[in-house]
Amino acid sequence: MLDEIGTIAGEIWQYLNENEEASVGKLTQELKHTDRMILLGLGWLAREGQLNIVKRQRATYFLLNSTPSSGNEGSSS
């Protein structure tokens, strides 16, 4: 079960890295996992200090912390 949660956490991280932010509903829809598994994956990322959680009106959105990426190549100078 922990391996599955870790894998889902990785999928969430990748999605947020490409899309900036998402709600639980959006992550559930896009990643095709249950709400429960998405929440467990988000908990994993939150525990590692990798998430910012923002509440806007009635929705909660999740974003990756804006820490410098290591080894992120592809930008032109």
N, C-alpha and C. Protein backbone atom coordinates (compact mmCIF):
# COMPACT_ATOMS: atom_id res chain seq x y z
N MET A 1 0.83 -1.20 0.00
CA MET A 1 0.00 0.00 0.00
C MET A 1 0.87 1.27 0.00
N LEU A 2 1.96 1.24 0.77
CA LEU A 2 2.83 2.42 0.81
C LEU A 2 3.47 2.68 -0.55
N ASP A 3 3.83 1.62 -1.25
CA ASP A 3 4.39 1.80 -2.59
C ASP A 3 3.39 2.47 -3.51
N GLU A 4 2.12 2.06 -3.41
CA GLU A 4 1.07 2.65 -4.26
C GLU A 4 0.87 4.13 -3.92
N ILE A 5 0.87 4.45 -2.64
CA ILE A 5 0.71 5.85 -2.23
C ILE A 5 1.89 6.68 -2.73
N GLY A 6 3.09 6.14 -2.61
CA GLY A 6 4.27 6.84 -3.10
C GLY A 6 4.22 7.07 -4.60
N THR A 7 3.73 6.08 -5.33
CA THR A 7 3.60 6.22 -6.78
C THR A 7 2.59 7.30 -7.13
N ILE A 8 1.47 7.32 -6.42
CA ILE A 8 0.44 8.33 -6.66
C ILE A 8 0.97 9.72 -6.28
N ALA A 9 1.72 9.80 -5.20
CA ALA A 9 2.34 11.08 -4.82
C ALA A 9 3.23 11.58 -5.95
N GLY A 10 3.97 10.69 -6.57
CA GLY A 10 4.81 11.06 -7.71
C GLY A 10 3.99 11.55 -8.89
N GLU A 11 2.87 10.90 -9.15
CA GLU A 11 1.98 11.34 -10.23
C GLU A 11 1.41 12.72 -9.94
N ILE A 12 1.03 12.94 -8.70
CA ILE A 12 0.50 14.25 -8.30
C ILE A 12 1.58 15.31 -8.47
N TRP A 13 2.80 15.01 -8.01
CA TRP A 13 3.90 15.96 -8.13
C TRP A 13 4.11 16.33 -9.60
N GLN A 14 4.13 15.32 -10.46
CA GLN A 14 4.34 15.56 -11.89
C GLN A 14 3.21 16.42 -12.47
N TYR A 15 1.97 16.11 -12.10
CA TYR A 15 0.83 16.89 -12.60
C TYR A 15 0.94 18.35 -12.15
N LEU A 16 1.23 18.56 -10.87
CA LEU A 16 1.34 19.92 -10.36
C LEU A 16 2.54 20.65 -10.97
N ASN A 17 3.60 19.95 -11.24
CA ASN A 17 4.76 20.54 -11.88
C ASN A 17 4.42 21.05 -13.29
N GLU A 18 3.55 20.33 -13.97
CA GLU A 18 3.16 20.71 -15.33
C GLU A 18 1.99 21.68 -15.38
N ASN A 19 1.14 21.68 -14.35
CA ASN A 19 -0.10 22.46 -14.39
C ASN A 19 -0.22 23.51 -13.30
N GLU A 20 0.77 23.64 -12.45
CA GLU A 20 0.87 24.65 -11.40
C GLU A 20 -0.03 24.42 -10.19
N GLU A 21 -1.32 24.17 -10.38
CA GLU A 21 -2.19 23.97 -9.23
C GLU A 21 -3.37 23.10 -9.61
N ALA A 22 -4.00 22.51 -8.58
CA ALA A 22 -5.19 21.69 -8.83
C ALA A 22 -5.92 21.46 -7.52
N SER A 23 -7.21 21.19 -7.63
CA SER A 23 -8.01 20.79 -6.48
C SER A 23 -8.01 19.26 -6.40
N VAL A 24 -8.53 18.72 -5.31
CA VAL A 24 -8.64 17.27 -5.18
C VAL A 24 -9.50 16.71 -6.31
N GLY A 25 -10.61 17.38 -6.61
CA GLY A 25 -11.49 16.93 -7.68
C GLY A 25 -10.79 16.88 -9.03
N LYS A 26 -10.00 17.89 -9.34
CA LYS A 26 -9.28 17.93 -10.60
C LYS A 26 -8.23 16.82 -10.66
N LEU A 27 -7.50 16.61 -9.56
CA LEU A 27 -6.51 15.55 -9.52
C LEU A 27 -7.17 14.17 -9.67
N THR A 28 -8.31 13.97 -9.02
CA THR A 28 -9.03 12.71 -9.12
C THR A 28 -9.46 12.45 -10.56
N GLN A 29 -9.97 13.48 -11.20
CA GLN A 29 -10.44 13.37 -12.58
C GLN A 29 -9.28 13.12 -13.55
N GLU A 30 -8.22 13.88 -13.42
CA GLU A 30 -7.11 13.81 -14.36
C GLU A 30 -6.24 12.57 -14.17
N LEU A 31 -6.02 12.17 -12.92
CA LEU A 31 -5.11 11.06 -12.64
C LEU A 31 -5.83 9.72 -12.52
N LYS A 32 -7.15 9.74 -12.52
CA LYS A 32 -7.96 8.52 -12.49
C LYS A 32 -7.71 7.65 -11.25
N HIS A 33 -7.63 8.32 -10.09
CA HIS A 33 -7.53 7.61 -8.81
C HIS A 33 -8.70 8.05 -7.94
N THR A 34 -9.00 7.29 -6.90
CA THR A 34 -10.08 7.67 -5.99
C THR A 34 -9.67 8.89 -5.17
N ASP A 35 -10.69 9.59 -4.64
CA ASP A 35 -10.43 10.73 -3.75
C ASP A 35 -9.51 10.31 -2.61
N ARG A 36 -9.78 9.14 -2.06
CA ARG A 36 -9.00 8.65 -0.92
C ARG A 36 -7.52 8.53 -1.27
N MET A 37 -7.23 7.93 -2.42
CA MET A 37 -5.83 7.75 -2.82
C MET A 37 -5.16 9.09 -3.14
N ILE A 38 -5.91 10.01 -3.76
CA ILE A 38 -5.37 11.34 -4.03
C ILE A 38 -5.04 12.04 -2.71
N LEU A 39 -5.94 11.95 -1.74
CA LEU A 39 -5.69 12.58 -0.44
C LEU A 39 -4.49 11.96 0.26
N LEU A 40 -4.32 10.65 0.15
CA LEU A 40 -3.14 10.01 0.74
C LEU A 40 -1.86 10.49 0.05
N GLY A 41 -1.90 10.61 -1.27
CA GLY A 41 -0.75 11.12 -2.01
C GLY A 41 -0.44 12.56 -1.64
N LEU A 42 -1.47 13.38 -1.50
CA LEU A 42 -1.27 14.77 -1.10
C LEU A 42 -0.68 14.84 0.31
N GLY A 43 -1.15 13.97 1.19
CA GLY A 43 -0.60 13.91 2.55
C GLY A 43 0.88 13.57 2.53
N TRP A 44 1.24 12.64 1.67
CA TRP A 44 2.66 12.25 1.50
C TRP A 44 3.48 13.48 1.12
N LEU A 45 3.02 14.20 0.09
CA LEU A 45 3.75 15.38 -0.38
C LEU A 45 3.78 16.49 0.68
N ALA A 46 2.67 16.66 1.39
CA ALA A 46 2.61 17.68 2.44
C ALA A 46 3.58 17.35 3.56
N ARG A 47 3.65 16.08 3.93
CA ARG A 47 4.56 15.65 5.00
C ARG A 47 6.01 15.90 4.62
N GLU A 48 6.31 15.78 3.33
CA GLU A 48 7.66 16.05 2.84
C GLU A 48 7.92 17.54 2.65
N GLY A 49 6.92 18.38 2.91
CA GLY A 49 7.08 19.83 2.78
C GLY A 49 7.11 20.31 1.34
N GLN A 50 6.49 19.54 0.43
CA GLN A 50 6.55 19.89 -0.98
C GLN A 50 5.32 20.63 -1.49
N LEU A 51 4.32 20.85 -0.63
CA LEU A 51 3.07 21.47 -1.07
C LEU A 51 2.80 22.80 -0.41
N ASN A 52 2.18 23.68 -1.16
CA ASN A 52 1.51 24.86 -0.63
C ASN A 52 0.02 24.58 -0.78
N ILE A 53 -0.74 24.93 0.22
CA ILE A 53 -2.19 24.71 0.19
C ILE A 53 -2.84 26.08 0.28
N VAL A 54 -3.68 26.38 -0.72
CA VAL A 54 -4.32 27.69 -0.82
C VAL A 54 -5.82 27.50 -0.85
N LYS A 55 -6.52 28.23 0.02
CA LYS A 55 -7.98 28.18 0.04
C LYS A 55 -8.50 29.44 -0.63
N ARG A 56 -9.34 29.25 -1.65
CA ARG A 56 -9.98 30.36 -2.36
C ARG A 56 -11.47 30.11 -2.36
N GLN A 57 -12.19 31.02 -1.78
CA GLN A 57 -13.64 30.90 -1.63
C GLN A 57 -13.96 29.54 -1.02
N ARG A 58 -14.60 28.65 -1.76
CA ARG A 58 -15.01 27.37 -1.20
C ARG A 58 -14.10 26.22 -1.63
N ALA A 59 -13.07 26.49 -2.39
CA ALA A 59 -12.21 25.43 -2.91
C ALA A 59 -10.81 25.51 -2.32
N THR A 60 -10.17 24.37 -2.22
CA THR A 60 -8.79 24.29 -1.76
C THR A 60 -7.94 23.82 -2.93
N TYR A 61 -6.83 24.51 -3.17
CA TYR A 61 -5.94 24.19 -4.27
C TYR A 61 -4.57 23.81 -3.73
N PHE A 62 -3.92 22.93 -4.44
CA PHE A 62 -2.60 22.44 -4.06
C PHE A 62 -1.59 22.86 -5.12
N LEU A 63 -0.44 23.38 -4.67
CA LEU A 63 0.64 23.82 -5.55
C LEU A 63 1.94 23.28 -4.98
N LEU A 64 2.91 23.09 -5.85
CA LEU A 64 4.23 22.71 -5.36
C LEU A 64 4.90 23.92 -4.74
N ASN A 65 5.68 23.67 -3.70
CA ASN A 65 6.49 24.75 -3.11
C ASN A 65 7.42 25.29 -4.17
N SER A 66 7.65 26.57 -4.15
CA SER A 66 8.53 27.19 -5.14
C SER A 66 9.96 27.21 -4.62
N THR A 67 10.55 26.03 -4.57
CA THR A 67 11.95 25.93 -4.18
C THR A 67 12.77 25.72 -5.44
N PRO A 68 14.00 26.14 -5.45
CA PRO A 68 14.82 25.96 -6.65
C PRO A 68 14.92 24.48 -7.03
N SER A 69 14.73 24.19 -8.30
CA SER A 69 14.83 22.84 -8.79
C SER A 69 16.29 22.49 -9.01
N SER A 70 16.63 21.26 -8.72
CA SER A 70 18.00 20.83 -9.01
C SER A 70 17.97 19.96 -10.25
N GLY A 71 18.90 20.19 -11.14
CA GLY A 71 18.99 19.39 -12.34
C GLY A 71 17.90 19.66 -13.34
N ASN A 72 17.20 20.78 -13.24
CA ASN A 72 16.12 21.10 -14.18
C ASN A 72 16.73 21.80 -15.38
N GLU A 73 16.93 21.05 -16.43
CA GLU A 73 17.57 21.58 -17.62
C GLU A 73 16.52 21.92 -18.65
N GLY A 74 16.94 22.55 -19.71
CA GLY A 74 16.04 22.84 -20.79
C GLY A 74 15.74 24.31 -20.96
N SER A 75 16.17 25.15 -20.03
CA SER A 75 15.94 26.58 -20.20
C SER A 75 17.09 27.16 -21.01
N SER A 76 16.76 28.06 -21.89
CA SER A 76 17.77 28.69 -22.74
C SER A 76 18.34 29.91 -22.07
N SER A 77 19.62 30.15 -22.26
CA SER A 77 20.25 31.34 -21.70
C SER A 77 20.59 32.31 -22.80
